PDB file of N, CA and C in Angstrom:
ATOM      1  N   UNK A   1       0.916  -1.138   0.169  1.00  0.00           N
ATOM      2  CA  UNK A   1      -0.123  -0.138   0.244  1.00  0.00           C
ATOM      3  C   UNK A   1       0.927   1.453   0.165  1.00  0.00           C
ATOM      4  N   UNK A   2       0.607   2.634  -0.548  1.00  0.00           N
ATOM      5  CA  UNK A   2       1.215   3.258  -0.822  1.00  0.00           C
ATOM      6  C   UNK A   2       0.534   4.699  -0.753  1.00  0.00           C
ATOM      7  N   UNK A   3       0.965   5.664   0.090  1.00  0.00           N
ATOM      8  CA  UNK A   3      -0.013   6.575   0.026  1.00  0.00           C
ATOM      9  C   UNK A   3       1.006   8.130  -0.261  1.00  0.00           C
ATOM     10  N   UNK A   4       0.067   9.210  -0.719  1.00  0.00           N
ATOM     11  CA  UNK A   4       1.075  10.444  -1.120  1.00  0.00           C
ATOM     12  C   UNK A   4       1.599  10.616   0.199  1.00  0.00           C
ATOM     13  N   UNK A   5       2.699  11.506  -0.353  1.00  0.00           N
ATOM     14  CA  UNK A   5       3.790  12.069   1.075  1.00  0.00           C
ATOM     15  C   UNK A   5       3.808  13.642   0.707  1.00  0.00           C
ATOM     16  N   UNK A   6       2.816  14.386   1.603  1.00  0.00           N
ATOM     17  CA  UNK A   6       2.476  15.692   1.214  1.00  0.00           C
ATOM     18  C   UNK A   6       3.534  16.494   1.951  1.00  0.00           C
ATOM     19  N   UNK A   7       4.393  15.849   2.937  1.00  0.00           N
ATOM     20  CA  UNK A   7       5.606  16.472   3.694  1.00  0.00           C
ATOM     21  C   UNK A   7       6.690  16.827   3.389  1.00  0.00           C
ATOM     22  N   UNK A   8       7.087  16.237   2.021  1.00  0.00           N
ATOM     23  CA  UNK A   8       8.539  15.995   1.335  1.00  0.00           C
ATOM     24  C   UNK A   8       8.306  16.226   0.087  1.00  0.00           C
ATOM     25  N   UNK A   9       8.508  17.310  -0.239  1.00  0.00           N
ATOM     26  CA  UNK A   9       8.783  17.596  -1.701  1.00  0.00           C
ATOM     27  C   UNK A   9       9.382  16.674  -2.710  1.00  0.00           C
ATOM     28  N   UNK A  10      10.218  16.160  -2.681  1.00  0.00           N
ATOM     29  CA  UNK A  10      10.909  15.496  -3.600  1.00  0.00           C
ATOM     30  C   UNK A  10      10.922  14.208  -3.227  1.00  0.00           C
ATOM     31  N   UNK A  11       9.779  13.551  -2.427  1.00  0.00           N
ATOM     32  CA  UNK A  11       9.106  12.418  -1.792  1.00  0.00           C
ATOM     33  C   UNK A  11       7.847  12.135  -2.433  1.00  0.00           C
ATOM     34  N   UNK A  12       7.057  12.089  -3.364  1.00  0.00           N
ATOM     35  CA  UNK A  12       5.968  12.039  -3.829  1.00  0.00           C
ATOM     36  C   UNK A  12       5.380  10.824  -3.033  1.00  0.00           C
ATOM     37  N   UNK A  13       5.778   9.775  -2.726  1.00  0.00           N
ATOM     38  CA  UNK A  13       4.829   8.658  -2.197  1.00  0.00           C
ATOM     39  C   UNK A  13       5.758   8.223  -1.083  1.00  0.00           C
ATOM     40  N   UNK A  14       5.419   7.706   0.072  1.00  0.00           N
ATOM     41  CA  UNK A  14       5.506   6.678   0.879  1.00  0.00           C
ATOM     42  C   UNK A  14       4.951   5.145   1.034  1.00  0.00           C
ATOM     43  N   UNK A  15       5.617   4.363   1.452  1.00  0.00           N
ATOM     44  CA  UNK A  15       4.929   3.272   1.444  1.00  0.00           C
ATOM     45  C   UNK A  15       4.446   2.803   2.717  1.00  0.00           C
ATOM     46  N   UNK A  16       3.620   2.081   3.284  1.00  0.00           N
ATOM     47  CA  UNK A  16       2.944   1.943   4.697  1.00  0.00           C
ATOM     48  C   UNK A  16       3.448   0.695   4.795  1.00  0.00           C
ATOM     49  N   UNK A  17       3.896   0.309   6.030  1.00  0.00           N
ATOM     50  CA  UNK A  17       4.361  -0.793   6.161  1.00  0.00           C
ATOM     51  C   UNK A  17       4.207  -1.177   7.676  1.00  0.00           C
ATOM     52  N   UNK A  18       3.609  -2.405   7.734  1.00  0.00           N
ATOM     53  CA  UNK A  18       2.869  -3.043   9.194  1.00  0.00           C
ATOM     54  C   UNK A  18       3.792  -3.799   9.898  1.00  0.00           C
ATOM     55  N   UNK A  19       3.828  -3.404  11.349  1.00  0.00           N
ATOM     56  CA  UNK A  19       4.733  -3.571  12.156  1.00  0.00           C
ATOM     57  C   UNK A  19       4.219  -4.747  13.025  1.00  0.00           C
ATOM     58  N   UNK A  20       3.001  -5.376  12.785  1.00  0.00           N
ATOM     59  CA  UNK A  20       2.666  -6.348  13.839  1.00  0.00           C
ATOM     60  C   UNK A  20       3.511  -7.367  13.776  1.00  0.00           C
ATOM     61  N   UNK A  21       4.105  -7.806  12.872  1.00  0.00           N
ATOM     62  CA  UNK A  21       4.659  -9.058  12.934  1.00  0.00           C
ATOM     63  C   UNK A  21       6.210  -8.843  13.413  1.00  0.00           C
ATOM     64  N   UNK A  22       6.679  -7.599  13.701  1.00  0.00           N
ATOM     65  CA  UNK A  22       7.801  -7.513  13.983  1.00  0.00           C
ATOM     66  C   UNK A  22       7.959  -8.125  15.624  1.00  0.00           C
ATOM     67  N   UNK A  23       9.234  -8.276  16.037  1.00  0.00           N
ATOM     68  CA  UNK A  23       9.590  -8.755  17.316  1.00  0.00           C
ATOM     69  C   UNK A  23       9.147  -7.800  18.474  1.00  0.00           C
ATOM     70  N   UNK A  24       9.212  -6.696  18.144  1.00  0.00           N
ATOM     71  CA  UNK A  24       8.936  -5.584  19.282  1.00  0.00           C
ATOM     72  C   UNK A  24       7.382  -5.532  19.366  1.00  0.00           C
ATOM     73  N   UNK A  25       6.659  -5.779  18.416  1.00  0.00           N
ATOM     74  CA  UNK A  25       5.293  -5.346  18.524  1.00  0.00           C
ATOM     75  C   UNK A  25       4.525  -6.062  19.943  1.00  0.00           C
ATOM     76  N   UNK A  26       5.157  -7.448  20.119  1.00  0.00           N
ATOM     77  CA  UNK A  26       4.117  -8.146  21.340  1.00  0.00           C
ATOM     78  C   UNK A  26       5.095  -7.328  22.571  1.00  0.00           C
ATOM     79  N   UNK A  27       6.192  -7.491  22.396  1.00  0.00           N
ATOM     80  CA  UNK A  27       7.049  -6.941  23.865  1.00  0.00           C
ATOM     81  C   UNK A  27       6.319  -5.159  24.482  1.00  0.00           C
ATOM     82  N   UNK A  28       6.122  -4.229  23.225  1.00  0.00           N
ATOM     83  CA  UNK A  28       5.470  -3.028  23.469  1.00  0.00           C
ATOM     84  C   UNK A  28       4.232  -3.330  23.994  1.00  0.00           C
ATOM     85  N   UNK A  29       3.311  -3.767  23.784  1.00  0.00           N
ATOM     86  CA  UNK A  29       1.909  -4.556  24.513  1.00  0.00           C
ATOM     87  C   UNK A  29       2.183  -4.901  25.578  1.00  0.00           C
ATOM     88  N   UNK A  30       2.938  -5.835  25.785  1.00  0.00           N
ATOM     89  CA  UNK A  30       2.982  -6.364  27.223  1.00  0.00           C
ATOM     90  C   UNK A  30       3.955  -5.195  28.271  1.00  0.00           C
ATOM     91  N   UNK A  31       4.707  -4.345  27.694  1.00  0.00           N
ATOM     92  CA  UNK A  31       5.464  -3.537  28.535  1.00  0.00           C
ATOM     93  C   UNK A  31       4.213  -2.441  28.839  1.00  0.00           C
ATOM     94  N   UNK A  32       3.317  -2.154  27.816  1.00  0.00           N
ATOM     95  CA  UNK A  32       2.346  -1.377  28.249  1.00  0.00           C
ATOM     96  C   UNK A  32       1.302  -1.469  29.215  1.00  0.00           C
ATOM     97  N   UNK A  33       0.951  -3.020  29.377  1.00  0.00           N
ATOM     98  CA  UNK A  33      -0.036  -3.216  30.217  1.00  0.00           C
ATOM     99  C   UNK A  33       0.818  -3.504  31.682  1.00  0.00           C
ATOM    100  N   UNK A  34       1.913  -3.801  31.493  1.00  0.00           N
ATOM    101  CA  UNK A  34       2.698  -4.124  32.562  1.00  0.00           C
ATOM    102  C   UNK A  34       3.040  -2.682  33.583  1.00  0.00           C
ATOM    103  N   UNK A  35       3.343  -1.600  32.829  1.00  0.00           N
ATOM    104  CA  UNK A  35       3.555  -0.437  33.280  1.00  0.00           C
ATOM    105  C   UNK A  35       2.250   0.422  34.041  1.00  0.00           C
ATOM    106  N   UNK A  36       0.960   0.144  33.341  1.00  0.00           N
ATOM    107  CA  UNK A  36      -0.132   0.437  33.526  1.00  0.00           C
ATOM    108  C   UNK A  36      -0.737   0.089  34.828  1.00  0.00           C
ATOM    109  N   UNK A  37      -0.565  -1.490  35.317  1.00  0.00           N
ATOM    110  CA  UNK A  37      -0.408  -1.974  36.472  1.00  0.00           C
ATOM    111  C   UNK A  37       0.124  -1.979  37.546  1.00  0.00           C
ATOM    112  N   UNK A  38       1.143  -0.962  37.420  1.00  0.00           N
ATOM    113  CA  UNK A  38       1.919  -0.690  38.380  1.00  0.00           C
ATOM    114  C   UNK A  38       1.342   0.970  38.528  1.00  0.00           C
ATOM    115  N   UNK A  39       0.911   1.528  37.675  1.00  0.00           N
ATOM    116  CA  UNK A  39       0.714   3.094  37.970  1.00  0.00           C
ATOM    117  C   UNK A  39      -1.159   3.369  37.953  1.00  0.00           C
ATOM    118  N   UNK A  40      -1.250   4.235  38.422  1.00  0.00           N
ATOM    119  CA  UNK A  40      -2.638   4.795  38.380  1.00  0.00           C
ATOM    120  C   UNK A  40      -2.595   5.421  37.207  1.00  0.00           C
ATOM    121  N   UNK A  41      -2.572   4.865  35.978  1.00  0.00           N
ATOM    122  CA  UNK A  41      -2.525   5.673  34.677  1.00  0.00           C
ATOM    123  C   UNK A  41      -4.245   5.399  34.388  1.00  0.00           C
ATOM    124  N   UNK A  42      -4.601   7.030  34.841  1.00  0.00           N
ATOM    125  CA  UNK A  42      -6.356   7.286  34.065  1.00  0.00           C
ATOM    126  C   UNK A  42      -6.225   8.119  33.082  1.00  0.00           C
ATOM    127  N   UNK A  43      -7.360   7.686  32.072  1.00  0.00           N
ATOM    128  CA  UNK A  43      -7.406   8.274  30.549  1.00  0.00           C
ATOM    129  C   UNK A  43      -8.554   9.561  31.241  1.00  0.00           C
ATOM    130  N   UNK A  44      -8.376  10.074  32.226  1.00  0.00           N
ATOM    131  CA  UNK A  44      -9.638  11.074  32.234  1.00  0.00           C
ATOM    132  C   UNK A  44      -9.372  12.490  31.179  1.00  0.00           C
ATOM    133  N   UNK A  45      -8.273  12.943  30.765  1.00  0.00           N
ATOM    134  CA  UNK A  45      -8.187  14.048  29.989  1.00  0.00           C
ATOM    135  C   UNK A  45      -7.813  13.247  28.458  1.00  0.00           C
ATOM    136  N   UNK A  46      -7.973  11.943  28.142  1.00  0.00           N
ATOM    137  CA  UNK A  46      -7.864  11.770  26.608  1.00  0.00           C
ATOM    138  C   UNK A  46      -8.999  11.070  26.250  1.00  0.00           C
ATOM    139  N   UNK A  47      -9.275  11.257  24.618  1.00  0.00           N
ATOM    140  CA  UNK A  47     -10.597  10.671  24.352  1.00  0.00           C
ATOM    141  C   UNK A  47     -10.235   9.860  23.058  1.00  0.00           C
ATOM    142  N   UNK A  48     -10.823   8.606  23.048  1.00  0.00           N
ATOM    143  CA  UNK A  48     -10.449   8.028  21.639  1.00  0.00           C
ATOM    144  C   UNK A  48     -11.024   8.321  20.443  1.00  0.00           C
ATOM    145  N   UNK A  49     -12.107   9.168  20.456  1.00  0.00           N
ATOM    146  CA  UNK A  49     -12.860   9.604  19.151  1.00  0.00           C
ATOM    147  C   UNK A  49     -13.609  10.542  19.383  1.00  0.00           C
ATOM    148  N   UNK A  50     -14.553  10.705  18.168  1.00  0.00           N
ATOM    149  CA  UNK A  50     -15.602  12.186  18.760  1.00  0.00           C
ATOM    150  C   UNK A  50     -17.031  11.686  19.286  1.00  0.00           C
ATOM    151  N   UNK A  51     -16.783  10.218  19.047  1.00  0.00           N
ATOM    152  CA  UNK A  51     -18.124   9.516  19.910  1.00  0.00           C
ATOM    153  C   UNK A  51     -18.144   9.758  21.453  1.00  0.00           C
ATOM    154  N   UNK A  52     -16.898   9.658  21.938  1.00  0.00           N
ATOM    155  CA  UNK A  52     -16.533   9.899  23.343  1.00  0.00           C
ATOM    156  C   UNK A  52     -16.812  11.021  23.771  1.00  0.00           C
ATOM    157  N   UNK A  53     -16.080  11.965  22.993  1.00  0.00           N
ATOM    158  CA  UNK A  53     -16.246  13.489  23.522  1.00  0.00           C
ATOM    159  C   UNK A  53     -16.928  13.608  23.483  1.00  0.00           C
ATOM    160  N   UNK A  54     -18.478  13.614  22.502  1.00  0.00           N
ATOM    161  CA  UNK A  54     -19.820  14.041  22.248  1.00  0.00           C
ATOM    162  C   UNK A  54     -20.288  13.231  23.891  1.00  0.00           C
ATOM    163  N   UNK A  55     -20.040  12.311  24.107  1.00  0.00           N
ATOM    164  CA  UNK A  55     -20.633  11.770  25.136  1.00  0.00           C
ATOM    165  C   UNK A  55     -20.378  12.594  26.546  1.00  0.00           C
ATOM    166  N   UNK A  56     -19.200  13.391  26.343  1.00  0.00           N
ATOM    167  CA  UNK A  56     -18.913  13.345  27.913  1.00  0.00           C
ATOM    168  C   UNK A  56     -18.878  14.797  27.940  1.00  0.00           C
ATOM    169  N   UNK A  57     -19.380  15.472  27.173  1.00  0.00           N
ATOM    170  CA  UNK A  57     -19.620  17.105  27.173  1.00  0.00           C
ATOM    171  C   UNK A  57     -20.842  17.401  27.094  1.00  0.00           C
ATOM    172  N   UNK A  58     -21.989  15.907  26.640  1.00  0.00           N
ATOM    173  CA  UNK A  58     -23.494  16.537  26.424  1.00  0.00           C
ATOM    174  C   UNK A  58     -24.315  16.985  27.258  1.00  0.00           C
ATOM    175  N   UNK A  59     -23.864  16.697  28.521  1.00  0.00           N
ATOM    176  CA  UNK A  59     -24.500  17.428  29.735  1.00  0.00           C
ATOM    177  C   UNK A  59     -23.616  18.376  30.304  1.00  0.00           C
ATOM    178  N   UNK A  60     -22.915  18.863  29.576  1.00  0.00           N
ATOM    179  CA  UNK A  60     -22.004  19.715  30.077  1.00  0.00           C
ATOM    180  C   UNK A  60     -22.779  21.177  30.092  1.00  0.00           C
ATOM    181  N   UNK A  61     -22.461  22.252  30.938  1.00  0.00           N
ATOM    182  CA  UNK A  61     -23.180  23.217  30.679  1.00  0.00           C
ATOM    183  C   UNK A  61     -22.048  24.506  31.610  1.00  0.00           C
ATOM    184  N   UNK A  62     -21.329  24.762  30.348  1.00  0.00           N
ATOM    185  CA  UNK A  62     -20.018  25.779  30.986  1.00  0.00           C
ATOM    186  C   UNK A  62     -20.860  27.277  31.106  1.00  0.00           C
ATOM    187  N   UNK A  63     -19.958  28.079  31.990  1.00  0.00           N
ATOM    188  CA  UNK A  63     -20.212  29.498  32.329  1.00  0.00           C
ATOM    189  C   UNK A  63     -20.516  30.468  31.100  1.00  0.00           C
ATOM    190  N   UNK A  64     -21.259  31.155  31.387  1.00  0.00           N
ATOM    191  CA  UNK A  64     -21.668  32.312  29.923  1.00  0.00           C
ATOM    192  C   UNK A  64     -20.537  32.869  29.512  1.00  0.00           C
ATOM    193  N   UNK A  65     -19.486  33.073  30.251  1.00  0.00           N
ATOM    194  CA  UNK A  65     -18.351  33.939  29.937  1.00  0.00           C
ATOM    195  C   UNK A  65     -17.519  32.712  29.615  1.00  0.00           C
ATOM    196  N   UNK A  66     -17.246  31.967  29.222  1.00  0.00           N
ATOM    197  CA  UNK A  66     -16.655  30.798  29.234  1.00  0.00           C
ATOM    198  C   UNK A  66     -16.168  30.992  27.397  1.00  0.00           C
ATOM    199  N   UNK A  67     -14.416  30.261  27.289  1.00  0.00           N
ATOM    200  CA  UNK A  67     -14.245  30.594  25.957  1.00  0.00           C
ATOM    201  C   UNK A  67     -13.697  29.163  25.715  1.00  0.00           C
ATOM    202  N   UNK A  68     -14.029  28.573  24.502  1.00  0.00           N
ATOM    203  CA  UNK A  68     -13.856  27.415  23.953  1.00  0.00           C
ATOM    204  C   UNK A  68     -12.278  27.066  23.041  1.00  0.00           C
ATOM    205  N   UNK A  69     -11.324  26.627  23.579  1.00  0.00           N
ATOM    206  CA  UNK A  69     -10.435  26.721  22.793  1.00  0.00           C
ATOM    207  C   UNK A  69      -9.846  25.087  22.469  1.00  0.00           C
ATOM    208  N   UNK A  70      -9.432  24.962  21.238  1.00  0.00           N
ATOM    209  CA  UNK A  70      -9.057  23.728  20.679  1.00  0.00           C
ATOM    210  C   UNK A  70      -7.319  24.033  20.186  1.00  0.00           C
ATOM    211  N   UNK A  71      -6.566  22.835  20.541  1.00  0.00           N
ATOM    212  CA  UNK A  71      -5.352  22.742  20.105  1.00  0.00           C
ATOM    213  C   UNK A  71      -5.240  21.526  18.809  1.00  0.00           C
ATOM    214  N   UNK A  72      -4.391  22.009  18.085  1.00  0.00           N
ATOM    215  CA  UNK A  72      -4.417  20.737  16.882  1.00  0.00           C
ATOM    216  C   UNK A  72      -2.687  20.284  16.808  1.00  0.00           C
ATOM    217  N   UNK A  73      -2.231  19.690  16.585  1.00  0.00           N
ATOM    218  CA  UNK A  73      -1.030  19.111  16.131  1.00  0.00           C
ATOM    219  C   UNK A  73      -1.002  19.432  14.459  1.00  0.00           C
ATOM    220  N   UNK A  74       0.093  20.543  14.003  1.00  0.00           N
ATOM    221  CA  UNK A  74       0.439  20.445  13.015  1.00  0.00           C
ATOM    222  C   UNK A  74       1.558  20.022  12.137  1.00  0.00           C
ATOM    223  N   UNK A  75       2.261  19.828  12.983  1.00  0.00           N
ATOM    224  CA  UNK A  75       3.762  18.898  12.319  1.00  0.00           C
ATOM    225  C   UNK A  75       4.299  17.887  13.044  1.00  0.00           C
ATOM    226  N   UNK A  76       4.219  16.430  13.124  1.00  0.00           N
ATOM    227  CA  UNK A  76       4.552  15.571  13.893  1.00  0.00           C
ATOM    228  C   UNK A  76       6.133  14.477  13.460  1.00  0.00           C
ATOM    229  N   UNK A  77       6.092  15.861  12.225  1.00  0.00           N
ATOM    230  CA  UNK A  77       7.553  15.161  11.556  1.00  0.00           C
ATOM    231  C   UNK A  77       9.121  16.241  12.214  1.00  0.00           C
ATOM    232  N   UNK A  78       9.944  15.664  12.507  1.00  0.00           N
ATOM    233  CA  UNK A  78      11.133  16.292  12.778  1.00  0.00           C
ATOM    234  C   UNK A  78      11.540  17.355  11.765  1.00  0.00           C
ATOM    235  N   UNK A  79      12.248  18.447  11.988  1.00  0.00           N
ATOM    236  CA  UNK A  79      12.903  18.951  10.932  1.00  0.00           C
ATOM    237  C   UNK A  79      14.667  19.314  11.051  1.00  0.00           C
ATOM    238  N   UNK A  80      14.868  18.216  11.564  1.00  0.00           N
ATOM    239  CA  UNK A  80      16.298  17.964  11.780  1.00  0.00           C
ATOM    240  C   UNK A  80      16.805  17.383  10.193  1.00  0.00           C
ATOM    241  N   UNK A  81      17.876  18.253   9.708  1.00  0.00           N
ATOM    242  CA  UNK A  81      18.241  17.591   8.378  1.00  0.00           C
ATOM    243  C   UNK A  81      19.068  16.524   8.279  1.00  0.00           C
ATOM    244  N   UNK A  82      19.260  15.445   7.791  1.00  0.00           N
ATOM    245  CA  UNK A  82      19.659  14.147   7.513  1.00  0.00           C
ATOM    246  C   UNK A  82      21.088  14.150   7.463  1.00  0.00           C
ATOM    247  N   UNK A  83      21.506  14.704   6.425  1.00  0.00           N
ATOM    248  CA  UNK A  83      22.963  14.989   5.877  1.00  0.00           C
ATOM    249  C   UNK A  83      23.815  15.235   6.821  1.00  0.00           C
ATOM    250  N   UNK A  84      24.006  15.916   7.940  1.00  0.00           N
ATOM    251  CA  UNK A  84      24.924  16.089   8.831  1.00  0.00           C
ATOM    252  C   UNK A  84      25.314  15.036   9.681  1.00  0.00           C
ATOM    253  N   UNK A  85      24.305  14.322   9.944  1.00  0.00           N
ATOM    254  CA  UNK A  85      24.149  13.383  10.431  1.00  0.00           C
ATOM    255  C   UNK A  85      25.298  12.147  10.232  1.00  0.00           C
ATOM    256  N   UNK A  86      25.544  12.111   8.871  1.00  0.00           N
ATOM    257  CA  UNK A  86      26.398  11.099   8.384  1.00  0.00           C
ATOM    258  C   UNK A  86      27.190  10.938   8.024  1.00  0.00           C
ATOM    259  N   UNK A  87      27.808  12.391   8.393  1.00  0.00           N
ATOM    260  CA  UNK A  87      29.269  12.948   8.129  1.00  0.00           C
ATOM    261  C   UNK A  87      30.299  12.235   9.262  1.00  0.00           C
TER     262      UNK A  87
END
């Protein structure tokens, strides 16, 4: 499977690779549940999808002088040039 890459001008496409069969995939799942069993990790400020956020705020009545603020990630790619790293 190949998707267009809009982040890099000289690389028009990027392959999508599944790592489910990688050796570290199951290890990451195990470590995730292991760490959560030792901590009180609560997802009170995280939402999985829009259905969950709508369900959480449907009965919420904010004060009349409230302001709604939303944050969005713009760039998840680093801007570190790779050529100096290989010298």
